[in-house]
């Protein structure tokens, strides 16, 4: 009887540990490279290819992600320069490779 109780407790511990590992691994895969664990207040000066907003979802911080040819930069969305860059990016006239 005692052996059975020890086996059941051991099995319960293994199940808990396995589920924690599985959940942690799945969360890391879901976050991918778009998770900002810190944000910069330094202005991005490289040409911007794309902009994404990352909502806060621990361990990720709320951030504006500027994608450039040099990589992705996590920026503080409260910074005035960030707001201005986002505004400029979305209001710039579309470029066309077709000429008349």
PDB file of N, CA and C in Angstrom:
ATOM      1  N   UNK A   1       0.813  -1.190   0.000  1.00  0.00           N
ATOM      2  CA  UNK A   1       0.000   0.000   0.000  1.00  0.00           C
ATOM      3  C   UNK A   1       0.863   1.263   0.000  1.00  0.00           C
ATOM      4  N   UNK A   2       1.897   1.265   0.831  1.00  0.00           N
ATOM      5  CA  UNK A   2       2.821   2.409   0.911  1.00  0.00           C
ATOM      6  C   UNK A   2       3.549   2.612  -0.416  1.00  0.00           C
ATOM      7  N   UNK A   3       3.951   1.544  -1.056  1.00  0.00           N
ATOM      8  CA  UNK A   3       4.640   1.625  -2.345  1.00  0.00           C
ATOM      9  C   UNK A   3       3.729   2.242  -3.398  1.00  0.00           C
ATOM     10  N   UNK A   4       2.474   1.872  -3.375  1.00  0.00           N
ATOM     11  CA  UNK A   4       1.516   2.412  -4.332  1.00  0.00           C
ATOM     12  C   UNK A   4       1.342   3.923  -4.138  1.00  0.00           C
ATOM     13  N   UNK A   5       1.291   4.382  -2.908  1.00  0.00           N
ATOM     14  CA  UNK A   5       1.165   5.801  -2.603  1.00  0.00           C
ATOM     15  C   UNK A   5       2.398   6.568  -3.087  1.00  0.00           C
ATOM     16  N   UNK A   6       3.585   6.000  -2.876  1.00  0.00           N
ATOM     17  CA  UNK A   6       4.826   6.637  -3.333  1.00  0.00           C
ATOM     18  C   UNK A   6       4.842   6.718  -4.855  1.00  0.00           C
ATOM     19  N   UNK A   7       4.411   5.658  -5.532  1.00  0.00           N
ATOM     20  CA  UNK A   7       4.361   5.656  -6.998  1.00  0.00           C
ATOM     21  C   UNK A   7       3.387   6.718  -7.511  1.00  0.00           C
ATOM     22  N   UNK A   8       2.237   6.853  -6.877  1.00  0.00           N
ATOM     23  CA  UNK A   8       1.243   7.843  -7.303  1.00  0.00           C
ATOM     24  C   UNK A   8       1.770   9.270  -7.110  1.00  0.00           C
ATOM     25  N   UNK A   9       2.446   9.515  -6.005  1.00  0.00           N
ATOM     26  CA  UNK A   9       3.032  10.836  -5.770  1.00  0.00           C
ATOM     27  C   UNK A   9       4.125  11.129  -6.796  1.00  0.00           C
ATOM     28  N   UNK A  10       4.946  10.146  -7.064  1.00  0.00           N
ATOM     29  CA  UNK A  10       6.017  10.317  -8.055  1.00  0.00           C
ATOM     30  C   UNK A  10       5.438  10.606  -9.428  1.00  0.00           C
ATOM     31  N   UNK A  11       4.396   9.876  -9.778  1.00  0.00           N
ATOM     32  CA  UNK A  11       3.747  10.095 -11.067  1.00  0.00           C
ATOM     33  C   UNK A  11       3.153  11.508 -11.142  1.00  0.00           C
ATOM     34  N   UNK A  12       2.538  11.950 -10.053  1.00  0.00           N
ATOM     35  CA  UNK A  12       1.968  13.300 -10.020  1.00  0.00           C
ATOM     36  C   UNK A  12       3.049  14.358 -10.197  1.00  0.00           C
ATOM     37  N   UNK A  13       4.189  14.179  -9.556  1.00  0.00           N
ATOM     38  CA  UNK A  13       5.302  15.126  -9.679  1.00  0.00           C
ATOM     39  C   UNK A  13       5.812  15.149 -11.110  1.00  0.00           C
ATOM     40  N   UNK A  14       5.948  13.996 -11.729  1.00  0.00           N
ATOM     41  CA  UNK A  14       6.422  13.913 -13.115  1.00  0.00           C
ATOM     42  C   UNK A  14       5.439  14.621 -14.049  1.00  0.00           C
ATOM     43  N   UNK A  15       4.147  14.427 -13.841  1.00  0.00           N
ATOM     44  CA  UNK A  15       3.142  15.080 -14.678  1.00  0.00           C
ATOM     45  C   UNK A  15       3.215  16.598 -14.534  1.00  0.00           C
ATOM     46  N   UNK A  16       3.360  17.096 -13.325  1.00  0.00           N
ATOM     47  CA  UNK A  16       3.445  18.540 -13.097  1.00  0.00           C
ATOM     48  C   UNK A  16       4.697  19.115 -13.757  1.00  0.00           C
ATOM     49  N   UNK A  17       5.829  18.478 -13.558  1.00  0.00           N
ATOM     50  CA  UNK A  17       7.081  18.964 -14.150  1.00  0.00           C
ATOM     51  C   UNK A  17       6.993  18.939 -15.669  1.00  0.00           C
ATOM     52  N   UNK A  18       6.455  17.872 -16.228  1.00  0.00           N
ATOM     53  CA  UNK A  18       6.319  17.768 -17.678  1.00  0.00           C
ATOM     54  C   UNK A  18       5.411  18.859 -18.231  1.00  0.00           C
ATOM     55  N   UNK A  19       4.298  19.121 -17.551  1.00  0.00           N
ATOM     56  CA  UNK A  19       3.386  20.150 -18.045  1.00  0.00           C
ATOM     57  C   UNK A  19       4.001  21.548 -17.956  1.00  0.00           C
ATOM     58  N   UNK A  20       4.787  21.808 -16.919  1.00  0.00           N
ATOM     59  CA  UNK A  20       5.471  23.106 -16.797  1.00  0.00           C
ATOM     60  C   UNK A  20       6.482  23.274 -17.928  1.00  0.00           C
ATOM     61  N   UNK A  21       7.260  22.248 -18.187  1.00  0.00           N
ATOM     62  CA  UNK A  21       8.254  22.313 -19.273  1.00  0.00           C
ATOM     63  C   UNK A  21       7.558  22.498 -20.614  1.00  0.00           C
ATOM     64  N   UNK A  22       6.497  21.758 -20.845  1.00  0.00           N
ATOM     65  CA  UNK A  22       5.777  21.841 -22.115  1.00  0.00           C
ATOM     66  C   UNK A  22       5.175  23.235 -22.305  1.00  0.00           C
ATOM     67  N   UNK A  23       4.562  23.781 -21.264  1.00  0.00           N
ATOM     68  CA  UNK A  23       3.958  25.109 -21.336  1.00  0.00           C
ATOM     69  C   UNK A  23       5.010  26.175 -21.589  1.00  0.00           C
ATOM     70  N   UNK A  24       6.128  26.101 -20.881  1.00  0.00           N
ATOM     71  CA  UNK A  24       7.207  27.077 -21.055  1.00  0.00           C
ATOM     72  C   UNK A  24       7.774  27.009 -22.459  1.00  0.00           C
ATOM     73  N   UNK A  25       8.008  25.824 -22.971  1.00  0.00           N
ATOM     74  CA  UNK A  25       8.548  25.652 -24.326  1.00  0.00           C
ATOM     75  C   UNK A  25       7.564  26.150 -25.360  1.00  0.00           C
ATOM     76  N   UNK A  26       6.296  25.829 -25.203  1.00  0.00           N
ATOM     77  CA  UNK A  26       5.279  26.281 -26.153  1.00  0.00           C
ATOM     78  C   UNK A  26       5.176  27.795 -26.148  1.00  0.00           C
ATOM     79  N   UNK A  27       5.266  28.430 -24.986  1.00  0.00           N
ATOM     80  CA  UNK A  27       5.188  29.888 -24.887  1.00  0.00           C
ATOM     81  C   UNK A  27       6.368  30.542 -25.579  1.00  0.00           C
ATOM     82  N   UNK A  28       7.561  29.997 -25.422  1.00  0.00           N
ATOM     83  CA  UNK A  28       8.739  30.564 -26.085  1.00  0.00           C
ATOM     84  C   UNK A  28       8.615  30.456 -27.592  1.00  0.00           C
ATOM     85  N   UNK A  29       8.093  29.337 -28.098  1.00  0.00           N
ATOM     86  CA  UNK A  29       7.931  29.172 -29.533  1.00  0.00           C
ATOM     87  C   UNK A  29       6.893  30.154 -30.061  1.00  0.00           C
ATOM     88  N   UNK A  30       5.841  30.385 -29.299  1.00  0.00           N
ATOM     89  CA  UNK A  30       4.782  31.298 -29.722  1.00  0.00           C
ATOM     90  C   UNK A  30       5.297  32.735 -29.777  1.00  0.00           C
ATOM     91  N   UNK A  31       6.147  33.108 -28.840  1.00  0.00           N
ATOM     92  CA  UNK A  31       6.658  34.472 -28.790  1.00  0.00           C
ATOM     93  C   UNK A  31       7.570  34.761 -29.967  1.00  0.00           C
ATOM     94  N   UNK A  32       8.403  33.814 -30.310  1.00  0.00           N
ATOM     95  CA  UNK A  32       9.314  33.988 -31.419  1.00  0.00           C
ATOM     96  C   UNK A  32      10.221  35.183 -31.233  1.00  0.00           C
ATOM     97  N   UNK A  33      10.618  35.796 -32.352  1.00  0.00           N
ATOM     98  CA  UNK A  33      11.564  36.905 -32.280  1.00  0.00           C
ATOM     99  C   UNK A  33      10.872  38.251 -32.070  1.00  0.00           C
ATOM    100  N   UNK A  34       9.551  38.270 -31.974  1.00  0.00           N
ATOM    101  CA  UNK A  34       8.828  39.522 -31.809  1.00  0.00           C
ATOM    102  C   UNK A  34       8.582  39.889 -30.353  1.00  0.00           C
ATOM    103  N   UNK A  35       9.235  39.219 -29.445  1.00  0.00           N
ATOM    104  CA  UNK A  35       9.047  39.518 -28.032  1.00  0.00           C
ATOM    105  C   UNK A  35      10.091  40.536 -27.591  1.00  0.00           C
ATOM    106  N   UNK A  36       9.622  41.651 -27.074  1.00  0.00           N
ATOM    107  CA  UNK A  36      10.512  42.697 -26.584  1.00  0.00           C
ATOM    108  C   UNK A  36      10.560  42.634 -25.060  1.00  0.00           C
ATOM    109  N   UNK A  37      11.681  42.196 -24.524  1.00  0.00           N
ATOM    110  CA  UNK A  37      11.822  42.147 -23.074  1.00  0.00           C
ATOM    111  C   UNK A  37      12.396  43.444 -22.533  1.00  0.00           C
ATOM    112  N   UNK A  38      12.850  44.314 -23.424  1.00  0.00           N
ATOM    113  CA  UNK A  38      13.264  45.669 -23.067  1.00  0.00           C
ATOM    114  C   UNK A  38      13.055  46.547 -24.285  1.00  0.00           C
ATOM    115  N   UNK A  39      12.824  47.838 -24.054  1.00  0.00           N
ATOM    116  CA  UNK A  39      12.609  48.774 -25.154  1.00  0.00           C
ATOM    117  C   UNK A  39      13.646  49.884 -25.085  1.00  0.00           C
ATOM    118  N   UNK A  40      13.938  50.429 -26.250  1.00  0.00           N
ATOM    119  CA  UNK A  40      14.936  51.488 -26.353  1.00  0.00           C
ATOM    120  C   UNK A  40      14.246  52.841 -26.514  1.00  0.00           C
ATOM    121  N   UNK A  41      14.911  53.874 -26.033  1.00  0.00           N
ATOM    122  CA  UNK A  41      14.421  55.235 -26.244  1.00  0.00           C
ATOM    123  C   UNK A  41      15.263  55.944 -27.301  1.00  0.00           C
ATOM    124  N   UNK A  42      16.274  55.246 -27.830  1.00  0.00           N
ATOM    125  CA  UNK A  42      17.145  55.807 -28.855  1.00  0.00           C
ATOM    126  C   UNK A  42      16.449  55.764 -30.213  1.00  0.00           C
ATOM    127  N   UNK A  43      16.477  56.870 -30.934  1.00  0.00           N
ATOM    128  CA  UNK A  43      15.788  56.955 -32.215  1.00  0.00           C
ATOM    129  C   UNK A  43      16.407  56.036 -33.255  1.00  0.00           C
ATOM    130  N   UNK A  44      15.543  55.361 -33.996  1.00  0.00           N
ATOM    131  CA  UNK A  44      15.972  54.504 -35.104  1.00  0.00           C
ATOM    132  C   UNK A  44      16.195  55.416 -36.305  1.00  0.00           C
ATOM    133  N   UNK A  45      17.402  55.354 -36.876  1.00  0.00           N
ATOM    134  CA  UNK A  45      17.726  56.222 -38.006  1.00  0.00           C
ATOM    135  C   UNK A  45      17.826  55.458 -39.322  1.00  0.00           C
ATOM    136  N   UNK A  46      17.777  54.145 -39.264  1.00  0.00           N
ATOM    137  CA  UNK A  46      17.816  53.333 -40.485  1.00  0.00           C
ATOM    138  C   UNK A  46      16.484  53.417 -41.212  1.00  0.00           C
ATOM    139  N   UNK A  47      16.498  53.202 -42.545  1.00  0.00           N
ATOM    140  CA  UNK A  47      15.221  53.179 -43.274  1.00  0.00           C
ATOM    141  C   UNK A  47      14.320  52.055 -42.740  1.00  0.00           C
ATOM    142  N   UNK A  48      13.064  52.391 -42.502  1.00  0.00           N
ATOM    143  CA  UNK A  48      12.121  51.439 -41.912  1.00  0.00           C
ATOM    144  C   UNK A  48      11.386  50.691 -43.016  1.00  0.00           C
ATOM    145  N   UNK A  49      11.405  49.366 -42.920  1.00  0.00           N
ATOM    146  CA  UNK A  49      10.729  48.500 -43.886  1.00  0.00           C
ATOM    147  C   UNK A  49       9.300  48.205 -43.431  1.00  0.00           C
ATOM    148  N   UNK A  50       9.149  47.964 -42.135  1.00  0.00           N
ATOM    149  CA  UNK A  50       7.837  47.604 -41.596  1.00  0.00           C
ATOM    150  C   UNK A  50       7.762  48.026 -40.130  1.00  0.00           C
ATOM    151  N   UNK A  51       6.549  48.179 -39.644  1.00  0.00           N
ATOM    152  CA  UNK A  51       6.315  48.540 -38.243  1.00  0.00           C
ATOM    153  C   UNK A  51       5.233  47.616 -37.689  1.00  0.00           C
ATOM    154  N   UNK A  52       5.486  47.118 -36.487  1.00  0.00           N
ATOM    155  CA  UNK A  52       4.489  46.293 -35.792  1.00  0.00           C
ATOM    156  C   UNK A  52       4.338  46.790 -34.364  1.00  0.00           C
ATOM    157  N   UNK A  53       3.125  46.664 -33.839  1.00  0.00           N
ATOM    158  CA  UNK A  53       2.880  46.994 -32.441  1.00  0.00           C
ATOM    159  C   UNK A  53       2.800  45.694 -31.674  1.00  0.00           C
ATOM    160  N   UNK A  54       3.583  45.586 -30.619  1.00  0.00           N
ATOM    161  CA  UNK A  54       3.584  44.402 -29.765  1.00  0.00           C
ATOM    162  C   UNK A  54       2.869  44.766 -28.465  1.00  0.00           C
ATOM    163  N   UNK A  55       1.685  44.166 -28.210  1.00  0.00           N
ATOM    164  CA  UNK A  55       1.013  44.454 -26.946  1.00  0.00           C
ATOM    165  C   UNK A  55       1.751  43.822 -25.776  1.00  0.00           C
ATOM    166  N   UNK A  56       1.514  44.332 -24.600  1.00  0.00           N
ATOM    167  CA  UNK A  56       2.163  43.777 -23.415  1.00  0.00           C
ATOM    168  C   UNK A  56       1.545  42.426 -23.085  1.00  0.00           C
ATOM    169  N   UNK A  57       2.405  41.447 -22.923  1.00  0.00           N
ATOM    170  CA  UNK A  57       2.006  40.095 -22.545  1.00  0.00           C
ATOM    171  C   UNK A  57       3.235  39.461 -21.921  1.00  0.00           C
ATOM    172  N   UNK A  58       3.326  39.515 -20.585  1.00  0.00           N
ATOM    173  CA  UNK A  58       4.550  39.066 -19.913  1.00  0.00           C
ATOM    174  C   UNK A  58       5.065  37.732 -20.446  1.00  0.00           C
ATOM    175  N   UNK A  59       6.349  37.637 -20.731  1.00  0.00           N
ATOM    176  CA  UNK A  59       7.422  38.543 -20.352  1.00  0.00           C
ATOM    177  C   UNK A  59       7.659  39.661 -21.355  1.00  0.00           C
ATOM    178  N   UNK A  60       6.828  39.764 -22.392  1.00  0.00           N
ATOM    179  CA  UNK A  60       7.028  40.788 -23.419  1.00  0.00           C
ATOM    180  C   UNK A  60       6.450  42.125 -22.968  1.00  0.00           C
ATOM    181  N   UNK A  61       7.157  43.194 -23.326  1.00  0.00           N
ATOM    182  CA  UNK A  61       6.700  44.547 -23.015  1.00  0.00           C
ATOM    183  C   UNK A  61       5.934  45.117 -24.200  1.00  0.00           C
ATOM    184  N   UNK A  62       5.094  46.107 -23.935  1.00  0.00           N
ATOM    185  CA  UNK A  62       4.436  46.839 -25.007  1.00  0.00           C
ATOM    186  C   UNK A  62       5.525  47.591 -25.761  1.00  0.00           C
ATOM    187  N   UNK A  63       5.528  47.447 -27.091  1.00  0.00           N
ATOM    188  CA  UNK A  63       6.590  48.069 -27.876  1.00  0.00           C
ATOM    189  C   UNK A  63       6.136  48.286 -29.315  1.00  0.00           C
ATOM    190  N   UNK A  64       6.792  49.241 -29.946  1.00  0.00           N
ATOM    191  CA  UNK A  64       6.687  49.400 -31.389  1.00  0.00           C
ATOM    192  C   UNK A  64       7.953  48.757 -31.948  1.00  0.00           C
ATOM    193  N   UNK A  65       7.768  47.798 -32.858  1.00  0.00           N
ATOM    194  CA  UNK A  65       8.906  47.096 -33.443  1.00  0.00           C
ATOM    195  C   UNK A  65       9.150  47.658 -34.830  1.00  0.00           C
ATOM    196  N   UNK A  66      10.307  48.296 -34.985  1.00  0.00           N
ATOM    197  CA  UNK A  66      10.713  48.828 -36.281  1.00  0.00           C
ATOM    198  C   UNK A  66      11.564  47.775 -36.971  1.00  0.00           C
ATOM    199  N   UNK A  67      11.140  47.343 -38.152  1.00  0.00           N
ATOM    200  CA  UNK A  67      11.921  46.387 -38.933  1.00  0.00           C
ATOM    201  C   UNK A  67      12.735  47.165 -39.968  1.00  0.00           C
ATOM    202  N   UNK A  68      14.053  46.949 -39.944  1.00  0.00           N
ATOM    203  CA  UNK A  68      14.958  47.599 -40.899  1.00  0.00           C
ATOM    204  C   UNK A  68      15.829  46.515 -41.536  1.00  0.00           C
ATOM    205  N   UNK A  69      16.628  46.888 -42.511  1.00  0.00           N
ATOM    206  CA  UNK A  69      17.568  45.934 -43.104  1.00  0.00           C
ATOM    207  C   UNK A  69      18.619  45.500 -42.085  1.00  0.00           C
ATOM    208  N   UNK A  70      18.861  46.310 -41.057  1.00  0.00           N
ATOM    209  CA  UNK A  70      19.843  45.983 -40.028  1.00  0.00           C
ATOM    210  C   UNK A  70      19.251  45.113 -38.920  1.00  0.00           C
ATOM    211  N   UNK A  71      17.939  44.887 -38.935  1.00  0.00           N
ATOM    212  CA  UNK A  71      17.299  44.066 -37.922  1.00  0.00           C
ATOM    213  C   UNK A  71      16.068  44.738 -37.350  1.00  0.00           C
ATOM    214  N   UNK A  72      15.571  44.162 -36.268  1.00  0.00           N
ATOM    215  CA  UNK A  72      14.388  44.693 -35.615  1.00  0.00           C
ATOM    216  C   UNK A  72      14.778  45.444 -34.351  1.00  0.00           C
ATOM    217  N   UNK A  73      14.082  46.561 -34.112  1.00  0.00           N
ATOM    218  CA  UNK A  73      14.358  47.393 -32.952  1.00  0.00           C
ATOM    219  C   UNK A  73      13.075  47.573 -32.149  1.00  0.00           C
ATOM    220  N   UNK A  74      13.141  47.244 -30.877  1.00  0.00           N
ATOM    221  CA  UNK A  74      12.010  47.426 -29.965  1.00  0.00           C
ATOM    222  C   UNK A  74      12.105  48.824 -29.362  1.00  0.00           C
ATOM    223  N   UNK A  75      11.083  49.622 -29.597  1.00  0.00           N
ATOM    224  CA  UNK A  75      11.102  51.008 -29.138  1.00  0.00           C
ATOM    225  C   UNK A  75       9.919  51.289 -28.226  1.00  0.00           C
ATOM    226  N   UNK A  76      10.146  52.229 -27.319  1.00  0.00           N
ATOM    227  CA  UNK A  76       9.126  52.635 -26.358  1.00  0.00           C
ATOM    228  C   UNK A  76       8.038  53.416 -27.083  1.00  0.00           C
ATOM    229  N   UNK A  77       6.793  52.918 -27.098  1.00  0.00           N
ATOM    230  CA  UNK A  77       5.731  53.603 -27.840  1.00  0.00           C
ATOM    231  C   UNK A  77       5.320  54.946 -27.250  1.00  0.00           C
ATOM    232  N   UNK A  78       5.778  55.273 -26.052  1.00  0.00           N
ATOM    233  CA  UNK A  78       5.438  56.570 -25.439  1.00  0.00           C
ATOM    234  C   UNK A  78       6.352  57.691 -25.917  1.00  0.00           C
ATOM    235  N   UNK A  79       7.453  57.365 -26.574  1.00  0.00           N
ATOM    236  CA  UNK A  79       8.391  58.376 -27.056  1.00  0.00           C
ATOM    237  C   UNK A  79       7.774  59.152 -28.230  1.00  0.00           C
ATOM    238  N   UNK A  80       7.939  60.464 -28.218  1.00  0.00           N
ATOM    239  CA  UNK A  80       7.381  61.305 -29.285  1.00  0.00           C
ATOM    240  C   UNK A  80       7.960  60.944 -30.650  1.00  0.00           C
ATOM    241  N   UNK A  81       9.252  60.660 -30.715  1.00  0.00           N
ATOM    242  CA  UNK A  81       9.859  60.317 -32.000  1.00  0.00           C
ATOM    243  C   UNK A  81       9.266  59.025 -32.564  1.00  0.00           C
ATOM    244  N   UNK A  82       8.883  58.093 -31.690  1.00  0.00           N
ATOM    245  CA  UNK A  82       8.281  56.832 -32.137  1.00  0.00           C
ATOM    246  C   UNK A  82       6.916  57.126 -32.765  1.00  0.00           C
ATOM    247  N   UNK A  83       6.125  57.938 -32.093  1.00  0.00           N
ATOM    248  CA  UNK A  83       4.804  58.308 -32.614  1.00  0.00           C
ATOM    249  C   UNK A  83       4.937  58.985 -33.976  1.00  0.00           C
ATOM    250  N   UNK A  84       5.935  59.855 -34.093  1.00  0.00           N
ATOM    251  CA  UNK A  84       6.156  60.576 -35.354  1.00  0.00           C
ATOM    252  C   UNK A  84       6.581  59.620 -36.473  1.00  0.00           C
ATOM    253  N   UNK A  85       7.479  58.674 -36.172  1.00  0.00           N
ATOM    254  CA  UNK A  85       7.930  57.696 -37.181  1.00  0.00           C
ATOM    255  C   UNK A  85       6.765  56.834 -37.653  1.00  0.00           C
ATOM    256  N   UNK A  86       5.916  56.409 -36.724  1.00  0.00           N
ATOM    257  CA  UNK A  86       4.761  55.584 -37.085  1.00  0.00           C
ATOM    258  C   UNK A  86       3.827  56.385 -37.985  1.00  0.00           C
ATOM    259  N   UNK A  87       3.573  57.637 -37.612  1.00  0.00           N
ATOM    260  CA  UNK A  87       2.708  58.512 -38.409  1.00  0.00           C
ATOM    261  C   UNK A  87       3.277  58.704 -39.814  1.00  0.00           C
ATOM    262  N   UNK A  88       4.579  58.984 -39.901  1.00  0.00           N
ATOM    263  CA  UNK A  88       5.231  59.172 -41.201  1.00  0.00           C
ATOM    264  C   UNK A  88       5.169  57.905 -42.044  1.00  0.00           C
ATOM    265  N   UNK A  89       5.399  56.769 -41.401  1.00  0.00           N
ATOM    266  CA  UNK A  89       5.418  55.497 -42.141  1.00  0.00           C
ATOM    267  C   UNK A  89       4.062  55.205 -42.769  1.00  0.00           C
ATOM    268  N   UNK A  90       2.986  55.444 -42.022  1.00  0.00           N
ATOM    269  CA  UNK A  90       1.662  55.095 -42.517  1.00  0.00           C
ATOM    270  C   UNK A  90       1.007  56.176 -43.357  1.00  0.00           C
ATOM    271  N   UNK A  91       1.600  57.363 -43.420  1.00  0.00           N
ATOM    272  CA  UNK A  91       1.024  58.424 -44.253  1.00  0.00           C
ATOM    273  C   UNK A  91       1.873  58.723 -45.482  1.00  0.00           C
ATOM    274  N   UNK A  92       2.999  58.032 -45.637  1.00  0.00           N
ATOM    275  CA  UNK A  92       3.821  58.292 -46.823  1.00  0.00           C
ATOM    276  C   UNK A  92       3.109  57.772 -48.061  1.00  0.00           C
ATOM    277  N   UNK A  93       3.268  58.471 -49.203  1.00  0.00           N
ATOM    278  CA  UNK A  93       2.608  58.055 -50.417  1.00  0.00           C
ATOM    279  C   UNK A  93       3.175  56.715 -50.884  1.00  0.00           C
ATOM    280  N   UNK A  94       2.334  55.835 -51.450  1.00  0.00           N
ATOM    281  CA  UNK A  94       2.836  54.546 -51.925  1.00  0.00           C
ATOM    282  C   UNK A  94       3.812  54.725 -53.063  1.00  0.00           C
ATOM    283  N   UNK A  95       4.828  53.885 -53.102  1.00  0.00           N
ATOM    284  CA  UNK A  95       5.812  53.941 -54.171  1.00  0.00           C
ATOM    285  C   UNK A  95       5.415  52.936 -55.233  1.00  0.00           C
ATOM    286  N   UNK A  96       5.630  53.284 -56.456  1.00  0.00           N
ATOM    287  CA  UNK A  96       5.272  52.403 -57.576  1.00  0.00           C
ATOM    288  C   UNK A  96       6.468  52.234 -58.475  1.00  0.00           C
ATOM    289  N   UNK A  97       6.674  51.018 -58.947  1.00  0.00           N
ATOM    290  CA  UNK A  97       7.781  50.754 -59.876  1.00  0.00           C
ATOM    291  C   UNK A  97       7.330  50.877 -61.319  1.00  0.00           C
ATOM    292  N   UNK A  98       6.052  51.171 -61.530  1.00  0.00           N
ATOM    293  CA  UNK A  98       5.526  51.309 -62.892  1.00  0.00           C
ATOM    294  C   UNK A  98       5.653  52.769 -63.304  1.00  0.00           C
ATOM    295  N   UNK A  99       6.287  52.984 -64.444  1.00  0.00           N
ATOM    296  CA  UNK A  99       6.427  54.350 -64.935  1.00  0.00           C
ATOM    297  C   UNK A  99       5.618  54.517 -66.225  1.00  0.00           C
ATOM    298  N   UNK A 100       5.181  55.743 -66.458  1.00  0.00           N
ATOM    299  CA  UNK A 100       4.376  56.035 -67.663  1.00  0.00           C
ATOM    300  C   UNK A 100       5.215  56.236 -68.861  1.00  0.00           C
TER     301      UNK A 100
END
